[in-house]
């Protein structure tokens, strides 16, 4: 396990039921999304918005709802 994975998985533990979570992009975000996905499969209930199609796709593969930023109605 590398330091990025350790940091990402530790950060994922701060996600609590009912939170709205922004999902970043890149290798560290990948590890966090996977850990959050494990927690969602165990019953964690969140809403997520991804910064990239890749992060959105990964979240959906883990079974938790995600929206991509481009799906917002208004950008200010």
PDB file of N, CA and C in Angstrom:
ATOM      1  N   UNK A   1       0.861  -1.175   0.000  1.00  0.00           N
ATOM      2  CA  UNK A   1       0.000   0.000   0.000  1.00  0.00           C
ATOM      3  C   UNK A   1       0.910   1.241   0.000  1.00  0.00           C
ATOM      4  N   UNK A   2       0.598   2.187  -0.885  1.00  0.00           N
ATOM      5  CA  UNK A   2       1.415   3.401  -0.959  1.00  0.00           C
ATOM      6  C   UNK A   2       0.808   4.527  -0.112  1.00  0.00           C
ATOM      7  N   UNK A   3       1.554   5.603   0.054  1.00  0.00           N
ATOM      8  CA  UNK A   3       1.110   6.704   0.910  1.00  0.00           C
ATOM      9  C   UNK A   3      -0.166   7.366   0.408  1.00  0.00           C
ATOM     10  N   UNK A   4      -0.314   7.470  -0.912  1.00  0.00           N
ATOM     11  CA  UNK A   4      -1.547   8.058  -1.457  1.00  0.00           C
ATOM     12  C   UNK A   4      -2.752   7.221  -1.066  1.00  0.00           C
ATOM     13  N   UNK A   5      -2.620   5.915  -1.180  1.00  0.00           N
ATOM     14  CA  UNK A   5      -3.725   5.026  -0.833  1.00  0.00           C
ATOM     15  C   UNK A   5      -4.055   5.121   0.659  1.00  0.00           C
ATOM     16  N   UNK A   6      -3.031   5.151   1.489  1.00  0.00           N
ATOM     17  CA  UNK A   6      -3.255   5.276   2.933  1.00  0.00           C
ATOM     18  C   UNK A   6      -3.996   6.574   3.250  1.00  0.00           C
ATOM     19  N   UNK A   7      -3.531   7.686   2.667  1.00  0.00           N
ATOM     20  CA  UNK A   7      -4.169   8.988   2.908  1.00  0.00           C
ATOM     21  C   UNK A   7      -5.608   9.004   2.416  1.00  0.00           C
ATOM     22  N   UNK A   8      -5.839   8.468   1.224  1.00  0.00           N
ATOM     23  CA  UNK A   8      -7.182   8.470   0.647  1.00  0.00           C
ATOM     24  C   UNK A   8      -8.144   7.628   1.472  1.00  0.00           C
ATOM     25  N   UNK A   9      -7.698   6.454   1.878  1.00  0.00           N
ATOM     26  CA  UNK A   9      -8.571   5.588   2.658  1.00  0.00           C
ATOM     27  C   UNK A   9      -8.851   6.174   4.035  1.00  0.00           C
ATOM     28  N   UNK A  10      -7.879   6.858   4.609  1.00  0.00           N
ATOM     29  CA  UNK A  10      -8.094   7.521   5.896  1.00  0.00           C
ATOM     30  C   UNK A  10      -9.109   8.649   5.720  1.00  0.00           C
ATOM     31  N   UNK A  11      -8.966   9.438   4.656  1.00  0.00           N
ATOM     32  CA  UNK A  11      -9.897  10.538   4.402  1.00  0.00           C
ATOM     33  C   UNK A  11     -11.321  10.021   4.200  1.00  0.00           C
ATOM     34  N   UNK A  12     -11.448   8.887   3.546  1.00  0.00           N
ATOM     35  CA  UNK A  12     -12.772   8.310   3.277  1.00  0.00           C
ATOM     36  C   UNK A  12     -13.500   7.943   4.568  1.00  0.00           C
ATOM     37  N   UNK A  13     -12.760   7.729   5.635  1.00  0.00           N
ATOM     38  CA  UNK A  13     -13.375   7.379   6.908  1.00  0.00           C
ATOM     39  C   UNK A  13     -14.089   8.575   7.555  1.00  0.00           C
ATOM     40  N   UNK A  14     -13.800   9.783   7.086  1.00  0.00           N
ATOM     41  CA  UNK A  14     -14.459  10.980   7.617  1.00  0.00           C
ATOM     42  C   UNK A  14     -15.827  11.218   6.982  1.00  0.00           C
ATOM     43  N   UNK A  15     -16.135  10.488   5.934  1.00  0.00           N
ATOM     44  CA  UNK A  15     -17.430  10.629   5.270  1.00  0.00           C
ATOM     45  C   UNK A  15     -18.499   9.995   6.154  1.00  0.00           C
ATOM     46  N   UNK A  16     -19.545  10.773   6.434  1.00  0.00           N
ATOM     47  CA  UNK A  16     -20.621  10.314   7.306  1.00  0.00           C
ATOM     48  C   UNK A  16     -21.934  10.202   6.548  1.00  0.00           C
ATOM     49  N   UNK A  17     -22.808   9.404   7.102  1.00  0.00           N
ATOM     50  CA  UNK A  17     -24.124   9.191   6.529  1.00  0.00           C
ATOM     51  C   UNK A  17     -24.816  10.524   6.274  1.00  0.00           C
ATOM     52  N   UNK A  18     -25.405  10.662   5.091  1.00  0.00           N
ATOM     53  CA  UNK A  18     -26.156  11.856   4.731  1.00  0.00           C
ATOM     54  C   UNK A  18     -25.336  12.979   4.128  1.00  0.00           C
ATOM     55  N   UNK A  19     -24.018  12.822   4.074  1.00  0.00           N
ATOM     56  CA  UNK A  19     -23.166  13.878   3.522  1.00  0.00           C
ATOM     57  C   UNK A  19     -23.306  14.002   2.010  1.00  0.00           C
ATOM     58  N   UNK A  20     -23.009  15.209   1.523  1.00  0.00           N
ATOM     59  CA  UNK A  20     -22.863  15.479   0.101  1.00  0.00           C
ATOM     60  C   UNK A  20     -21.366  15.562  -0.138  1.00  0.00           C
ATOM     61  N   UNK A  21     -20.847  14.680  -0.986  1.00  0.00           N
ATOM     62  CA  UNK A  21     -19.405  14.500  -1.133  1.00  0.00           C
ATOM     63  C   UNK A  21     -18.951  14.859  -2.545  1.00  0.00           C
ATOM     64  N   UNK A  22     -17.928  15.699  -2.632  1.00  0.00           N
ATOM     65  CA  UNK A  22     -17.300  15.998  -3.915  1.00  0.00           C
ATOM     66  C   UNK A  22     -16.223  14.962  -4.184  1.00  0.00           C
ATOM     67  N   UNK A  23     -16.270  14.356  -5.357  1.00  0.00           N
ATOM     68  CA  UNK A  23     -15.303  13.331  -5.737  1.00  0.00           C
ATOM     69  C   UNK A  23     -14.298  13.928  -6.708  1.00  0.00           C
ATOM     70  N   UNK A  24     -13.057  13.967  -6.312  1.00  0.00           N
ATOM     71  CA  UNK A  24     -12.005  14.516  -7.154  1.00  0.00           C
ATOM     72  C   UNK A  24     -11.598  13.559  -8.257  1.00  0.00           C
ATOM     73  N   UNK A  25     -10.482  13.877  -8.878  1.00  0.00           N
ATOM     74  CA  UNK A  25      -9.975  13.104 -10.002  1.00  0.00           C
ATOM     75  C   UNK A  25      -8.507  12.776  -9.753  1.00  0.00           C
ATOM     76  N   UNK A  26      -8.089  11.628 -10.176  1.00  0.00           N
ATOM     77  CA  UNK A  26      -6.689  11.243 -10.047  1.00  0.00           C
ATOM     78  C   UNK A  26      -6.519   9.997  -9.199  1.00  0.00           C
ATOM     79  N   UNK A  27      -5.256   9.623  -8.998  1.00  0.00           N
ATOM     80  CA  UNK A  27      -4.971   8.359  -8.319  1.00  0.00           C
ATOM     81  C   UNK A  27      -5.392   8.374  -6.850  1.00  0.00           C
ATOM     82  N   UNK A  28      -5.214   9.479  -6.167  1.00  0.00           N
ATOM     83  CA  UNK A  28      -5.609   9.524  -4.764  1.00  0.00           C
ATOM     84  C   UNK A  28      -7.127   9.467  -4.638  1.00  0.00           C
ATOM     85  N   UNK A  29      -7.827  10.213  -5.481  1.00  0.00           N
ATOM     86  CA  UNK A  29      -9.290  10.177  -5.477  1.00  0.00           C
ATOM     87  C   UNK A  29      -9.798   8.778  -5.801  1.00  0.00           C
ATOM     88  N   UNK A  30      -9.120   8.083  -6.689  1.00  0.00           N
ATOM     89  CA  UNK A  30      -9.503   6.715  -7.037  1.00  0.00           C
ATOM     90  C   UNK A  30      -9.580   5.850  -5.776  1.00  0.00           C
ATOM     91  N   UNK A  31      -8.531   5.909  -4.964  1.00  0.00           N
ATOM     92  CA  UNK A  31      -8.513   5.096  -3.744  1.00  0.00           C
ATOM     93  C   UNK A  31      -9.622   5.507  -2.785  1.00  0.00           C
ATOM     94  N   UNK A  32      -9.863   6.810  -2.661  1.00  0.00           N
ATOM     95  CA  UNK A  32     -10.919   7.289  -1.765  1.00  0.00           C
ATOM     96  C   UNK A  32     -12.285   6.829  -2.248  1.00  0.00           C
ATOM     97  N   UNK A  33     -12.523   6.928  -3.547  1.00  0.00           N
ATOM     98  CA  UNK A  33     -13.816   6.513  -4.099  1.00  0.00           C
ATOM     99  C   UNK A  33     -14.040   5.023  -3.868  1.00  0.00           C
ATOM    100  N   UNK A  34     -13.005   4.232  -4.048  1.00  0.00           N
ATOM    101  CA  UNK A  34     -13.131   2.792  -3.814  1.00  0.00           C
ATOM    102  C   UNK A  34     -13.469   2.503  -2.355  1.00  0.00           C
ATOM    103  N   UNK A  35     -12.811   3.192  -1.435  1.00  0.00           N
ATOM    104  CA  UNK A  35     -13.092   2.963  -0.006  1.00  0.00           C
ATOM    105  C   UNK A  35     -14.487   3.438   0.350  1.00  0.00           C
ATOM    106  N   UNK A  36     -14.889   4.579  -0.191  1.00  0.00           N
ATOM    107  CA  UNK A  36     -16.259   5.046   0.046  1.00  0.00           C
ATOM    108  C   UNK A  36     -17.241   4.039  -0.529  1.00  0.00           C
ATOM    109  N   UNK A  37     -16.935   3.501  -1.703  1.00  0.00           N
ATOM    110  CA  UNK A  37     -17.789   2.486  -2.310  1.00  0.00           C
ATOM    111  C   UNK A  37     -17.964   1.271  -1.419  1.00  0.00           C
ATOM    112  N   UNK A  38     -16.900   0.832  -0.779  1.00  0.00           N
ATOM    113  CA  UNK A  38     -17.000  -0.292   0.162  1.00  0.00           C
ATOM    114  C   UNK A  38     -17.943   0.063   1.301  1.00  0.00           C
ATOM    115  N   UNK A  39     -17.819   1.285   1.788  1.00  0.00           N
ATOM    116  CA  UNK A  39     -18.670   1.727   2.894  1.00  0.00           C
ATOM    117  C   UNK A  39     -20.122   1.867   2.460  1.00  0.00           C
ATOM    118  N   UNK A  40     -20.343   2.309   1.215  1.00  0.00           N
ATOM    119  CA  UNK A  40     -21.710   2.397   0.689  1.00  0.00           C
ATOM    120  C   UNK A  40     -22.322   1.007   0.620  1.00  0.00           C
ATOM    121  N   UNK A  41     -21.560   0.042   0.178  1.00  0.00           N
ATOM    122  CA  UNK A  41     -22.057  -1.341   0.129  1.00  0.00           C
ATOM    123  C   UNK A  41     -22.400  -1.870   1.517  1.00  0.00           C
ATOM    124  N   UNK A  42     -21.764  -1.288   2.542  1.00  0.00           N
ATOM    125  CA  UNK A  42     -22.058  -1.678   3.922  1.00  0.00           C
ATOM    126  C   UNK A  42     -23.177  -0.849   4.542  1.00  0.00           C
ATOM    127  N   UNK A  43     -23.775   0.069   3.759  1.00  0.00           N
ATOM    128  CA  UNK A  43     -24.936   0.814   4.232  1.00  0.00           C
ATOM    129  C   UNK A  43     -24.781   2.316   4.335  1.00  0.00           C
ATOM    130  N   UNK A  44     -23.590   2.856   4.074  1.00  0.00           N
ATOM    131  CA  UNK A  44     -23.412   4.305   4.101  1.00  0.00           C
ATOM    132  C   UNK A  44     -24.278   4.946   3.030  1.00  0.00           C
ATOM    133  N   UNK A  45     -24.973   6.022   3.388  1.00  0.00           N
ATOM    134  CA  UNK A  45     -25.872   6.708   2.466  1.00  0.00           C
ATOM    135  C   UNK A  45     -25.345   8.115   2.219  1.00  0.00           C
ATOM    136  N   UNK A  46     -24.901   8.392   0.989  1.00  0.00           N
ATOM    137  CA  UNK A  46     -24.373   9.711   0.641  1.00  0.00           C
ATOM    138  C   UNK A  46     -24.889  10.154  -0.711  1.00  0.00           C
ATOM    139  N   UNK A  47     -24.655  11.424  -1.019  1.00  0.00           N
ATOM    140  CA  UNK A  47     -24.840  11.960  -2.360  1.00  0.00           C
ATOM    141  C   UNK A  47     -23.467  12.423  -2.818  1.00  0.00           C
ATOM    142  N   UNK A  48     -23.151  12.237  -4.082  1.00  0.00           N
ATOM    143  CA  UNK A  48     -21.823  12.608  -4.565  1.00  0.00           C
ATOM    144  C   UNK A  48     -21.911  13.352  -5.887  1.00  0.00           C
ATOM    145  N   UNK A  49     -20.952  14.266  -6.062  1.00  0.00           N
ATOM    146  CA  UNK A  49     -20.777  14.982  -7.326  1.00  0.00           C
ATOM    147  C   UNK A  49     -19.322  14.787  -7.730  1.00  0.00           C
ATOM    148  N   UNK A  50     -19.114  14.295  -8.942  1.00  0.00           N
ATOM    149  CA  UNK A  50     -17.777  14.000  -9.436  1.00  0.00           C
ATOM    150  C   UNK A  50     -17.247  15.123 -10.309  1.00  0.00           C
ATOM    151  N   UNK A  51     -15.920  15.307 -10.278  1.00  0.00           N
ATOM    152  CA  UNK A  51     -15.285  16.333 -11.092  1.00  0.00           C
ATOM    153  C   UNK A  51     -14.890  15.826 -12.465  1.00  0.00           C
ATOM    154  N   UNK A  52     -15.094  14.542 -12.716  1.00  0.00           N
ATOM    155  CA  UNK A  52     -14.748  13.989 -14.025  1.00  0.00           C
ATOM    156  C   UNK A  52     -15.662  12.821 -14.349  1.00  0.00           C
ATOM    157  N   UNK A  53     -15.735  12.507 -15.626  1.00  0.00           N
ATOM    158  CA  UNK A  53     -16.506  11.338 -16.066  1.00  0.00           C
ATOM    159  C   UNK A  53     -15.941  10.063 -15.449  1.00  0.00           C
ATOM    160  N   UNK A  54     -14.610   9.994 -15.325  1.00  0.00           N
ATOM    161  CA  UNK A  54     -13.976   8.791 -14.778  1.00  0.00           C
ATOM    162  C   UNK A  54     -14.388   8.573 -13.317  1.00  0.00           C
ATOM    163  N   UNK A  55     -14.396   9.637 -12.531  1.00  0.00           N
ATOM    164  CA  UNK A  55     -14.791   9.509 -11.129  1.00  0.00           C
ATOM    165  C   UNK A  55     -16.272   9.181 -11.006  1.00  0.00           C
ATOM    166  N   UNK A  56     -17.089   9.784 -11.839  1.00  0.00           N
ATOM    167  CA  UNK A  56     -18.522   9.490 -11.864  1.00  0.00           C
ATOM    168  C   UNK A  56     -18.744   8.017 -12.193  1.00  0.00           C
ATOM    169  N   UNK A  57     -18.052   7.529 -13.198  1.00  0.00           N
ATOM    170  CA  UNK A  57     -18.186   6.122 -13.608  1.00  0.00           C
ATOM    171  C   UNK A  57     -17.740   5.180 -12.491  1.00  0.00           C
ATOM    172  N   UNK A  58     -16.625   5.485 -11.850  1.00  0.00           N
ATOM    173  CA  UNK A  58     -16.125   4.640 -10.773  1.00  0.00           C
ATOM    174  C   UNK A  58     -17.117   4.589  -9.613  1.00  0.00           C
ATOM    175  N   UNK A  59     -17.666   5.726  -9.246  1.00  0.00           N
ATOM    176  CA  UNK A  59     -18.657   5.754  -8.165  1.00  0.00           C
ATOM    177  C   UNK A  59     -19.849   4.879  -8.504  1.00  0.00           C
ATOM    178  N   UNK A  60     -20.318   4.984  -9.722  1.00  0.00           N
ATOM    179  CA  UNK A  60     -21.464   4.178 -10.139  1.00  0.00           C
ATOM    180  C   UNK A  60     -21.130   2.690 -10.150  1.00  0.00           C
ATOM    181  N   UNK A  61     -19.901   2.356 -10.522  1.00  0.00           N
ATOM    182  CA  UNK A  61     -19.479   0.954 -10.484  1.00  0.00           C
ATOM    183  C   UNK A  61     -19.504   0.402  -9.060  1.00  0.00           C
ATOM    184  N   UNK A  62     -19.210   1.260  -8.092  1.00  0.00           N
ATOM    185  CA  UNK A  62     -19.252   0.856  -6.690  1.00  0.00           C
ATOM    186  C   UNK A  62     -20.671   0.897  -6.132  1.00  0.00           C
ATOM    187  N   UNK A  63     -21.616   1.410  -6.922  1.00  0.00           N
ATOM    188  CA  UNK A  63     -23.011   1.356  -6.522  1.00  0.00           C
ATOM    189  C   UNK A  63     -23.528   2.553  -5.756  1.00  0.00           C
ATOM    190  N   UNK A  64     -22.803   3.675  -5.831  1.00  0.00           N
ATOM    191  CA  UNK A  64     -23.390   4.829  -5.170  1.00  0.00           C
ATOM    192  C   UNK A  64     -23.661   5.933  -6.174  1.00  0.00           C
ATOM    193  N   UNK A  65     -24.771   6.657  -5.926  1.00  0.00           N
ATOM    194  CA  UNK A  65     -25.202   7.672  -6.885  1.00  0.00           C
ATOM    195  C   UNK A  65     -24.218   8.827  -6.976  1.00  0.00           C
ATOM    196  N   UNK A  66     -23.955   9.219  -8.177  1.00  0.00           N
ATOM    197  CA  UNK A  66     -23.065  10.340  -8.414  1.00  0.00           C
ATOM    198  C   UNK A  66     -23.578  11.127  -9.597  1.00  0.00           C
ATOM    199  N   UNK A  67     -23.348  12.409  -9.554  1.00  0.00           N
ATOM    200  CA  UNK A  67     -23.639  13.287 -10.678  1.00  0.00           C
ATOM    201  C   UNK A  67     -22.324  13.888 -11.124  1.00  0.00           C
ATOM    202  N   UNK A  68     -22.215  14.171 -12.391  1.00  0.00           N
ATOM    203  CA  UNK A  68     -21.018  14.824 -12.913  1.00  0.00           C
ATOM    204  C   UNK A  68     -21.294  16.315 -12.934  1.00  0.00           C
ATOM    205  N   UNK A  69     -20.272  17.114 -12.679  1.00  0.00           N
ATOM    206  CA  UNK A  69     -20.448  18.576 -12.630  1.00  0.00           C
ATOM    207  C   UNK A  69     -21.105  19.139 -13.878  1.00  0.00           C
ATOM    208  N   UNK A  70     -20.894  18.523 -15.010  1.00  0.00           N
ATOM    209  CA  UNK A  70     -21.486  19.051 -16.242  1.00  0.00           C
ATOM    210  C   UNK A  70     -22.996  18.881 -16.268  1.00  0.00           C
ATOM    211  N   UNK A  71     -23.541  18.120 -15.328  1.00  0.00           N
ATOM    212  CA  UNK A  71     -24.984  17.928 -15.273  1.00  0.00           C
ATOM    213  C   UNK A  71     -25.695  18.996 -14.445  1.00  0.00           C
ATOM    214  N   UNK A  72     -24.944  19.964 -13.950  1.00  0.00           N
ATOM    215  CA  UNK A  72     -25.568  21.059 -13.211  1.00  0.00           C
ATOM    216  C   UNK A  72     -26.328  21.972 -14.177  1.00  0.00           C
ATOM    217  N   UNK A  73     -27.407  22.528 -13.711  1.00  0.00           N
ATOM    218  CA  UNK A  73     -28.210  23.411 -14.542  1.00  0.00           C
ATOM    219  C   UNK A  73     -27.578  24.794 -14.689  1.00  0.00           C
ATOM    220  N   UNK A  74     -26.907  25.262 -13.651  1.00  0.00           N
ATOM    221  CA  UNK A  74     -26.352  26.609 -13.674  1.00  0.00           C
ATOM    222  C   UNK A  74     -24.939  26.602 -13.118  1.00  0.00           C
ATOM    223  N   UNK A  75     -24.050  27.278 -13.830  1.00  0.00           N
ATOM    224  CA  UNK A  75     -22.677  27.524 -13.345  1.00  0.00           C
ATOM    225  C   UNK A  75     -22.541  29.026 -13.159  1.00  0.00           C
ATOM    226  N   UNK A  76     -22.047  29.456 -12.026  1.00  0.00           N
ATOM    227  CA  UNK A  76     -21.882  30.889 -11.779  1.00  0.00           C
ATOM    228  C   UNK A  76     -20.408  31.159 -11.477  1.00  0.00           C
TER     229      UNK A  76
END
